[in-house]
Structures are given as structure tokens and as C-alpha cells.
């Protein structure tokens, strides 16, 4: 809730529901995610967020505002039988569950400690980012990461050390890396609201292809 560029964005309304609720609805379509835990801070500004998410029936872990890696460790502890952790950020309400599941499968197939769909030459839109890691890898990061950057951004301790961790990546044949679907700025939120207003009423489980088609049609109309 303390985002500097767009304060309170995760609770901003999108078609009558908080943005985080819309995202959690989409994540619920994943066939590979067993349990969702929302990791937020102990700051009083996050009280409404925690209360709303708990009301939806999801687990919530609250920890340090600055030590996001520590929060992930605490969230992981709430699901002691999970051997894999999927990291998804709360400002991406167009998340694609098929991409999430494919990234999870990529980690398994490669026998990797960490997998993502964000290699150096990314091919997925910004806002569809997925990171998957073993519990053991995240536990090592929680214990050993000391740099502030590695505590704030959760996974750099792992992917910066290919000598210690086996890494794998997911790409698609046609790059959509030029597309921006994450919500950082007011115009990003306006785009997401427009997508939901156009697609959700007729197709609540709209896909990435639907969003791409809508964006192209909108661009054509504007031209």
C-alpha cells in the first residue's frame, strides 16, 4: 500500500473489486498452485489489504516492510509441506495462469533450483512475470542474503549465483516483451481497468491473446 508512484494501488478498484482480488481470482485458475499466501508488511497502511485478503480465505503473512525476502520466508513457513515456491507480485492483475503453470513445469523438467520467464532476452509482457524456486533455494537465500538489494528483491541471491543454483528459463516463439501490463503508474491502472471493462463481463477467464487483441484493436481505432 506504500507504493511511491501509485499509493494504495493493490486495493484500487477494478470493475468494482480491489485489484488484488481480481489478481487472486486469476491465480486461482492455476492447476499447479496448491495454496496462495499473500505476504505484506506490518505497517498500519497494509491493514485494509490484510483484512480483505483474509476475508477471501487466503493466508496472509505480515513482516518487515523493507525485508521482502524475510516476508517470503515467513509466508513459506505457513505452508510447511510445500517443496516449491512461486513468486508473483501483487500489481499484475492480468497474470496468466497458463504461463505460471508452464514456468512451474519448466523448473520441474529441468531439475532446476530456480526458473522464471524473465531471461535476459525476455519474450513475455511485463506484468506476466513468474519466478519458481525450490524451498531449499529460498531457505538458503533467507539465511545468507545480506545485501539490501537482495533482501528487498527476494530472488537476486539465487539467480546471481549460477555456480550454486541450477537456473532455467521459459520463453515463447514470438516476443511480446514490448508490452507493459504491470501497474506502476496511473496510466497502467487505466489500461487494466479498460481491459476488465471490455473483456471480463463476457469472458471472466479472458486470456493473454484476448488482451493482445484488444490492445491491437484499440491502437487501430486510435490511429
C-alpha atoms as a PDB file:
ATOM      1  CA  UNK A   1       0.000   0.000   0.000  1.00  0.00           C
ATOM      2  CA  UNK A   2       3.018   2.323   0.370  1.00  0.00           C
ATOM      3  CA  UNK A   3       3.957   2.340  -3.321  1.00  0.00           C
ATOM      4  CA  UNK A   4       5.712   5.628  -4.011  1.00  0.00           C
ATOM      5  CA  UNK A   5       4.457   6.013  -7.573  1.00  0.00           C
ATOM      6  CA  UNK A   6       0.854   4.866  -7.041  1.00  0.00           C
ATOM      7  CA  UNK A   7      -0.016   4.626  -3.327  1.00  0.00           C
ATOM      8  CA  UNK A   8      -2.669   2.061  -2.441  1.00  0.00           C
ATOM      9  CA  UNK A   9      -2.613   0.569  -5.914  1.00  0.00           C
ATOM     10  CA  UNK A  10      -3.246  -3.039  -4.870  1.00  0.00           C
ATOM     11  CA  UNK A  11      -6.589  -2.003  -3.371  1.00  0.00           C
ATOM     12  CA  UNK A  12      -7.551   0.296  -6.253  1.00  0.00           C
ATOM     13  CA  UNK A  13     -10.959  -0.697  -7.678  1.00  0.00           C
ATOM     14  CA  UNK A  14     -11.035  -2.640 -10.938  1.00  0.00           C
ATOM     15  CA  UNK A  15     -14.570  -3.287 -12.162  1.00  0.00           C
ATOM     16  CA  UNK A  16     -15.939  -2.960  -8.630  1.00  0.00           C
ATOM     17  CA  UNK A  17     -13.367  -5.115  -6.828  1.00  0.00           C
ATOM     18  CA  UNK A  18      -9.903  -4.334  -5.408  1.00  0.00           C
ATOM     19  CA  UNK A  19      -7.153  -5.020  -7.917  1.00  0.00           C
ATOM     20  CA  UNK A  20      -5.593  -7.654  -5.645  1.00  0.00           C
ATOM     21  CA  UNK A  21      -8.911  -9.526  -5.625  1.00  0.00           C
ATOM     22  CA  UNK A  22      -9.003  -9.583  -9.399  1.00  0.00           C
ATOM     23  CA  UNK A  23      -5.492 -10.959  -9.489  1.00  0.00           C
ATOM     24  CA  UNK A  24      -6.186 -13.625  -6.871  1.00  0.00           C
ATOM     25  CA  UNK A  25      -9.204 -14.715  -8.913  1.00  0.00           C
ATOM     26  CA  UNK A  26      -6.975 -15.250 -11.930  1.00  0.00           C
ATOM     27  CA  UNK A  27      -4.297 -17.067  -9.911  1.00  0.00           C
ATOM     28  CA  UNK A  28      -6.992 -19.388  -8.607  1.00  0.00           C
ATOM     29  CA  UNK A  29      -7.288 -20.833 -12.117  1.00  0.00           C
ATOM     30  CA  UNK A  30      -3.793 -22.300 -11.923  1.00  0.00           C
ATOM     31  CA  UNK A  31      -3.741 -26.098 -11.968  1.00  0.00           C
ATOM     32  CA  UNK A  32      -0.305 -26.211 -10.324  1.00  0.00           C
ATOM     33  CA  UNK A  33      -0.518 -23.776  -7.394  1.00  0.00           C
ATOM     34  CA  UNK A  34      -1.609 -25.561  -4.231  1.00  0.00           C
ATOM     35  CA  UNK A  35      -2.020 -22.650  -1.819  1.00  0.00           C
ATOM     36  CA  UNK A  36      -1.789 -18.881  -2.127  1.00  0.00           C
ATOM     37  CA  UNK A  37      -0.188 -16.844   0.650  1.00  0.00           C
ATOM     38  CA  UNK A  38      -0.154 -13.056   0.470  1.00  0.00           C
ATOM     39  CA  UNK A  39       2.987 -11.574   2.017  1.00  0.00           C
ATOM     40  CA  UNK A  40       2.584  -7.997   3.165  1.00  0.00           C
ATOM     41  CA  UNK A  41       4.011  -5.728   5.843  1.00  0.00           C
ATOM     42  CA  UNK A  42       3.225  -4.940   9.466  1.00  0.00           C
ATOM     43  CA  UNK A  43       2.782  -1.290   8.545  1.00  0.00           C
ATOM     44  CA  UNK A  44      -0.662   0.014   9.520  1.00  0.00           C
ATOM     45  CA  UNK A  45      -1.250   1.097   5.916  1.00  0.00           C
ATOM     46  CA  UNK A  46      -1.436  -2.591   4.972  1.00  0.00           C
ATOM     47  CA  UNK A  47      -4.209  -3.385   7.495  1.00  0.00           C
ATOM     48  CA  UNK A  48      -7.007  -2.984   4.901  1.00  0.00           C
ATOM     49  CA  UNK A  49      -5.127  -5.191   2.440  1.00  0.00           C
ATOM     50  CA  UNK A  50      -4.543  -7.954   5.001  1.00  0.00           C
ATOM     51  CA  UNK A  51      -8.150  -7.839   6.177  1.00  0.00           C
ATOM     52  CA  UNK A  52      -9.534  -8.007   2.656  1.00  0.00           C
ATOM     53  CA  UNK A  53      -7.333 -10.937   1.608  1.00  0.00           C
ATOM     54  CA  UNK A  54      -8.112 -12.890   4.779  1.00  0.00           C
ATOM     55  CA  UNK A  55     -11.792 -12.288   4.076  1.00  0.00           C
ATOM     56  CA  UNK A  56     -11.329 -14.053   0.734  1.00  0.00           C
ATOM     57  CA  UNK A  57      -9.996 -17.096   2.600  1.00  0.00           C
ATOM     58  CA  UNK A  58      -6.323 -16.738   1.742  1.00  0.00           C
ATOM     59  CA  UNK A  59      -3.419 -16.975   4.159  1.00  0.00           C
ATOM     60  CA  UNK A  60      -1.613 -13.740   4.973  1.00  0.00           C
ATOM     61  CA  UNK A  61       1.881 -13.305   6.386  1.00  0.00           C
ATOM     62  CA  UNK A  62       2.913  -9.892   7.692  1.00  0.00           C
ATOM     63  CA  UNK A  63       6.532  -8.955   8.238  1.00  0.00           C
ATOM     64  CA  UNK A  64       9.126  -6.246   7.699  1.00  0.00           C
ATOM     65  CA  UNK A  65       8.277  -3.502   5.205  1.00  0.00           C
ATOM     66  CA  UNK A  66      11.839  -3.417   3.857  1.00  0.00           C
ATOM     67  CA  UNK A  67      12.915  -7.060   4.155  1.00  0.00           C
ATOM     68  CA  UNK A  68      10.732  -8.591   1.459  1.00  0.00           C
ATOM     69  CA  UNK A  69      12.869 -11.735   1.337  1.00  0.00           C
ATOM     70  CA  UNK A  70      12.201 -12.235   5.034  1.00  0.00           C
ATOM     71  CA  UNK A  71       8.489 -11.886   4.341  1.00  0.00           C
ATOM     72  CA  UNK A  72       8.683 -14.625   1.737  1.00  0.00           C
ATOM     73  CA  UNK A  73      10.413 -16.852   4.250  1.00  0.00           C
ATOM     74  CA  UNK A  74       7.625 -16.209   6.727  1.00  0.00           C
ATOM     75  CA  UNK A  75       4.973 -16.889   4.100  1.00  0.00           C
ATOM     76  CA  UNK A  76       6.691 -20.140   3.172  1.00  0.00           C
ATOM     77  CA  UNK A  77       6.635 -21.233   6.814  1.00  0.00           C
ATOM     78  CA  UNK A  78       2.828 -21.061   6.768  1.00  0.00           C
ATOM     79  CA  UNK A  79       2.775 -23.939   4.253  1.00  0.00           C
ATOM     80  CA  UNK A  80       5.323 -26.377   5.735  1.00  0.00           C
ATOM     81  CA  UNK A  81       4.622 -29.191   3.268  1.00  0.00           C
ATOM     82  CA  UNK A  82       5.295 -27.079   0.138  1.00  0.00           C
ATOM     83  CA  UNK A  83       8.515 -28.015  -1.660  1.00  0.00           C
ATOM     84  CA  UNK A  84       8.178 -25.336  -4.347  1.00  0.00           C
ATOM     85  CA  UNK A  85       7.563 -21.593  -4.043  1.00  0.00           C
ATOM     86  CA  UNK A  86       6.131 -19.402  -6.803  1.00  0.00           C
ATOM     87  CA  UNK A  87       6.776 -15.679  -6.565  1.00  0.00           C
ATOM     88  CA  UNK A  88       4.177 -13.368  -8.106  1.00  0.00           C
ATOM     89  CA  UNK A  89       3.916  -9.634  -7.467  1.00  0.00           C
ATOM     90  CA  UNK A  90       0.627  -8.059  -6.403  1.00  0.00           C
ATOM     91  CA  UNK A  91       0.481  -5.359  -9.069  1.00  0.00           C
ATOM     92  CA  UNK A  92      -0.060  -7.646 -12.062  1.00  0.00           C
ATOM     93  CA  UNK A  93      -3.831  -8.294 -12.345  1.00  0.00           C
ATOM     94  CA  UNK A  94      -3.547  -9.648 -15.895  1.00  0.00           C
ATOM     95  CA  UNK A  95      -1.450 -12.594 -14.659  1.00  0.00           C
ATOM     96  CA  UNK A  96      -1.768 -15.636 -16.919  1.00  0.00           C
ATOM     97  CA  UNK A  97      -2.230 -18.918 -15.070  1.00  0.00           C
ATOM     98  CA  UNK A  98      -1.147 -20.925 -18.121  1.00  0.00           C
ATOM     99  CA  UNK A  99       2.213 -19.118 -18.108  1.00  0.00           C
ATOM    100  CA  UNK A 100       2.509 -19.689 -14.368  1.00  0.00           C
ATOM    101  CA  UNK A 101       1.894 -23.411 -14.758  1.00  0.00           C
ATOM    102  CA  UNK A 102       4.294 -23.641 -17.701  1.00  0.00           C
ATOM    103  CA  UNK A 103       7.042 -21.957 -15.650  1.00  0.00           C
ATOM    104  CA  UNK A 104       6.444 -24.357 -12.772  1.00  0.00           C
ATOM    105  CA  UNK A 105       6.658 -27.272 -15.205  1.00  0.00           C
ATOM    106  CA  UNK A 106       9.846 -25.830 -16.704  1.00  0.00           C
ATOM    107  CA  UNK A 107      11.547 -25.899 -13.303  1.00  0.00           C
ATOM    108  CA  UNK A 108      10.493 -29.496 -12.741  1.00  0.00           C
ATOM    109  CA  UNK A 109      11.512 -30.686 -16.209  1.00  0.00           C
ATOM    110  CA  UNK A 110      14.936 -29.007 -15.924  1.00  0.00           C
ATOM    111  CA  UNK A 111      15.529 -30.210 -12.378  1.00  0.00           C
ATOM    112  CA  UNK A 112      16.377 -26.583 -11.609  1.00  0.00           C
ATOM    113  CA  UNK A 113      16.575 -24.772  -8.304  1.00  0.00           C
ATOM    114  CA  UNK A 114      15.068 -21.679  -9.907  1.00  0.00           C
ATOM    115  CA  UNK A 115      13.087 -20.968 -13.078  1.00  0.00           C
ATOM    116  CA  UNK A 116      11.478 -17.856 -14.497  1.00  0.00           C
ATOM    117  CA  UNK A 117      10.009 -16.467 -17.700  1.00  0.00           C
ATOM    118  CA  UNK A 118      12.275 -13.413 -17.500  1.00  0.00           C
ATOM    119  CA  UNK A 119      15.615 -14.351 -19.075  1.00  0.00           C
ATOM    120  CA  UNK A 120      17.977 -11.616 -20.262  1.00  0.00           C
ATOM    121  CA  UNK A 121      16.108 -11.565 -23.587  1.00  0.00           C
ATOM    122  CA  UNK A 122      12.564 -11.733 -22.262  1.00  0.00           C
ATOM    123  CA  UNK A 123       9.609 -12.627 -24.510  1.00  0.00           C
ATOM    124  CA  UNK A 124       6.594 -12.219 -22.193  1.00  0.00           C
ATOM    125  CA  UNK A 125       4.850  -8.910 -21.440  1.00  0.00           C
ATOM    126  CA  UNK A 126       5.917  -7.004 -18.349  1.00  0.00           C
ATOM    127  CA  UNK A 127       3.262  -7.995 -15.833  1.00  0.00           C
ATOM    128  CA  UNK A 128       3.260 -11.707 -16.622  1.00  0.00           C
ATOM    129  CA  UNK A 129       6.474 -12.329 -14.665  1.00  0.00           C
ATOM    130  CA  UNK A 130       6.749 -15.650 -12.830  1.00  0.00           C
ATOM    131  CA  UNK A 131       9.558 -16.930 -10.617  1.00  0.00           C
ATOM    132  CA  UNK A 132       9.622 -20.502  -9.304  1.00  0.00           C
ATOM    133  CA  UNK A 133      12.145 -21.897  -6.847  1.00  0.00           C
ATOM    134  CA  UNK A 134      12.662 -24.837  -4.586  1.00  0.00           C
ATOM    135  CA  UNK A 135      12.002 -24.409  -0.913  1.00  0.00           C
ATOM    136  CA  UNK A 136      15.634 -25.279  -0.229  1.00  0.00           C
ATOM    137  CA  UNK A 137      16.887 -22.473  -2.517  1.00  0.00           C
ATOM    138  CA  UNK A 138      14.644 -19.880  -0.873  1.00  0.00           C
ATOM    139  CA  UNK A 139      15.654 -21.067   2.583  1.00  0.00           C
ATOM    140  CA  UNK A 140      19.324 -20.589   1.630  1.00  0.00           C
ATOM    141  CA  UNK A 141      18.582 -17.098   0.377  1.00  0.00           C
ATOM    142  CA  UNK A 142      16.738 -16.215   3.580  1.00  0.00           C
ATOM    143  CA  UNK A 143      19.673 -17.415   5.692  1.00  0.00           C
ATOM    144  CA  UNK A 144      22.560 -15.993   3.689  1.00  0.00           C
ATOM    145  CA  UNK A 145      21.457 -12.918   1.732  1.00  0.00           C
ATOM    146  CA  UNK A 146      22.935  -9.802   3.328  1.00  0.00           C
ATOM    147  CA  UNK A 147      22.901  -7.094   0.638  1.00  0.00           C
ATOM    148  CA  UNK A 148      19.923  -4.709   0.951  1.00  0.00           C
ATOM    149  CA  UNK A 149      19.107  -5.233  -2.752  1.00  0.00           C
ATOM    150  CA  UNK A 150      18.925  -8.994  -2.279  1.00  0.00           C
ATOM    151  CA  UNK A 151      16.680  -8.629   0.780  1.00  0.00           C
ATOM    152  CA  UNK A 152      14.344  -6.197  -0.981  1.00  0.00           C
ATOM    153  CA  UNK A 153      14.000  -8.045  -4.294  1.00  0.00           C
ATOM    154  CA  UNK A 154      13.793 -11.622  -2.934  1.00  0.00           C
ATOM    155  CA  UNK A 155      15.391 -13.708  -5.686  1.00  0.00           C
ATOM    156  CA  UNK A 156      18.667 -11.998  -6.807  1.00  0.00           C
ATOM    157  CA  UNK A 157      20.627 -14.038  -4.254  1.00  0.00           C
ATOM    158  CA  UNK A 158      19.606 -17.138  -6.215  1.00  0.00           C
ATOM    159  CA  UNK A 159      19.807 -16.078  -9.861  1.00  0.00           C
ATOM    160  CA  UNK A 160      23.046 -14.134  -9.358  1.00  0.00           C
ATOM    161  CA  UNK A 161      24.797 -17.359  -8.328  1.00  0.00           C
ATOM    162  CA  UNK A 162      24.610 -19.845 -11.221  1.00  0.00           C
ATOM    163  CA  UNK A 163      27.616 -21.564  -9.702  1.00  0.00           C
ATOM    164  CA  UNK A 164      25.491 -22.551  -6.707  1.00  0.00           C
ATOM    165  CA  UNK A 165      21.994 -22.846  -8.156  1.00  0.00           C
ATOM    166  CA  UNK A 166      20.768 -24.503 -11.328  1.00  0.00           C
ATOM    167  CA  UNK A 167      18.753 -21.979 -13.344  1.00  0.00           C
ATOM    168  CA  UNK A 168      16.176 -22.493 -16.109  1.00  0.00           C
ATOM    169  CA  UNK A 169      14.110 -20.088 -18.189  1.00  0.00           C
ATOM    170  CA  UNK A 170      10.900 -20.110 -20.208  1.00  0.00           C
ATOM    171  CA  UNK A 171      10.497 -18.225 -23.496  1.00  0.00           C
ATOM    172  CA  UNK A 172       7.894 -18.110 -26.236  1.00  0.00           C
ATOM    173  CA  UNK A 173       8.475 -18.037 -30.022  1.00  0.00           C
ATOM    174  CA  UNK A 174       7.015 -14.567 -30.626  1.00  0.00           C
ATOM    175  CA  UNK A 175       8.210 -11.870 -28.269  1.00  0.00           C
ATOM    176  CA  UNK A 176       5.680  -9.617 -26.539  1.00  0.00           C
ATOM    177  CA  UNK A 177       8.329  -8.019 -24.355  1.00  0.00           C
ATOM    178  CA  UNK A 178       7.374  -4.556 -25.621  1.00  0.00           C
ATOM    179  CA  UNK A 179       4.011  -4.774 -23.840  1.00  0.00           C
ATOM    180  CA  UNK A 180       3.597  -3.317 -20.357  1.00  0.00           C
ATOM    181  CA  UNK A 181       0.828  -4.843 -18.223  1.00  0.00           C
ATOM    182  CA  UNK A 182       2.141  -4.228 -14.719  1.00  0.00           C
ATOM    183  CA  UNK A 183       0.584  -1.428 -12.652  1.00  0.00           C
ATOM    184  CA  UNK A 184       3.106   1.173 -11.503  1.00  0.00           C
ATOM    185  CA  UNK A 185       1.582   4.390 -12.829  1.00  0.00           C
ATOM    186  CA  UNK A 186      -1.933   5.864 -13.198  1.00  0.00           C
ATOM    187  CA  UNK A 187      -1.918   5.135 -16.927  1.00  0.00           C
ATOM    188  CA  UNK A 188      -1.122   1.464 -16.200  1.00  0.00           C
ATOM    189  CA  UNK A 189      -4.144   1.245 -13.912  1.00  0.00           C
ATOM    190  CA  UNK A 190      -6.303   2.922 -16.566  1.00  0.00           C
ATOM    191  CA  UNK A 191      -5.203   0.277 -19.092  1.00  0.00           C
ATOM    192  CA  UNK A 192      -6.032  -2.602 -16.721  1.00  0.00           C
ATOM    193  CA  UNK A 193      -9.447  -1.113 -15.945  1.00  0.00           C
ATOM    194  CA  UNK A 194     -10.141  -0.782 -19.666  1.00  0.00           C
ATOM    195  CA  UNK A 195      -9.194  -4.434 -20.237  1.00  0.00           C
ATOM    196  CA  UNK A 196     -11.521  -5.646 -17.497  1.00  0.00           C
ATOM    197  CA  UNK A 197     -14.390  -3.415 -18.639  1.00  0.00           C
ATOM    198  CA  UNK A 198     -14.153  -4.744 -22.180  1.00  0.00           C
ATOM    199  CA  UNK A 199     -13.346  -8.416 -21.583  1.00  0.00           C
ATOM    200  CA  UNK A 200     -14.466  -9.577 -18.136  1.00  0.00           C
ATOM    201  CA  UNK A 201     -18.277  -9.270 -18.471  1.00  0.00           C
ATOM    202  CA  UNK A 202     -18.379 -11.638 -21.446  1.00  0.00           C
ATOM    203  CA  UNK A 203     -15.359 -13.782 -20.598  1.00  0.00           C
ATOM    204  CA  UNK A 204     -14.170 -13.698 -16.963  1.00  0.00           C
ATOM    205  CA  UNK A 205     -11.320 -16.070 -17.836  1.00  0.00           C
ATOM    206  CA  UNK A 206     -10.013 -13.895 -20.660  1.00  0.00           C
ATOM    207  CA  UNK A 207      -6.573 -14.868 -21.893  1.00  0.00           C
ATOM    208  CA  UNK A 208      -3.352 -13.163 -22.875  1.00  0.00           C
ATOM    209  CA  UNK A 209      -4.416 -13.487 -26.517  1.00  0.00           C
ATOM    210  CA  UNK A 210      -7.635 -11.630 -25.707  1.00  0.00           C
ATOM    211  CA  UNK A 211      -5.708  -8.775 -24.100  1.00  0.00           C
ATOM    212  CA  UNK A 212      -3.312  -8.572 -27.047  1.00  0.00           C
ATOM    213  CA  UNK A 213      -6.211  -8.493 -29.498  1.00  0.00           C
ATOM    214  CA  UNK A 214      -7.983  -5.782 -27.517  1.00  0.00           C
ATOM    215  CA  UNK A 215      -4.837  -3.661 -27.356  1.00  0.00           C
ATOM    216  CA  UNK A 216      -4.286  -4.022 -31.086  1.00  0.00           C
ATOM    217  CA  UNK A 217      -7.883  -3.115 -31.888  1.00  0.00           C
ATOM    218  CA  UNK A 218      -7.688  -0.086 -29.577  1.00  0.00           C
ATOM    219  CA  UNK A 219      -4.474   1.059 -31.232  1.00  0.00           C
ATOM    220  CA  UNK A 220      -6.058   0.646 -34.657  1.00  0.00           C
ATOM    221  CA  UNK A 221      -9.111   2.637 -33.642  1.00  0.00           C
ATOM    222  CA  UNK A 222      -6.920   5.390 -32.252  1.00  0.00           C
ATOM    223  CA  UNK A 223      -4.955   5.510 -35.473  1.00  0.00           C
END
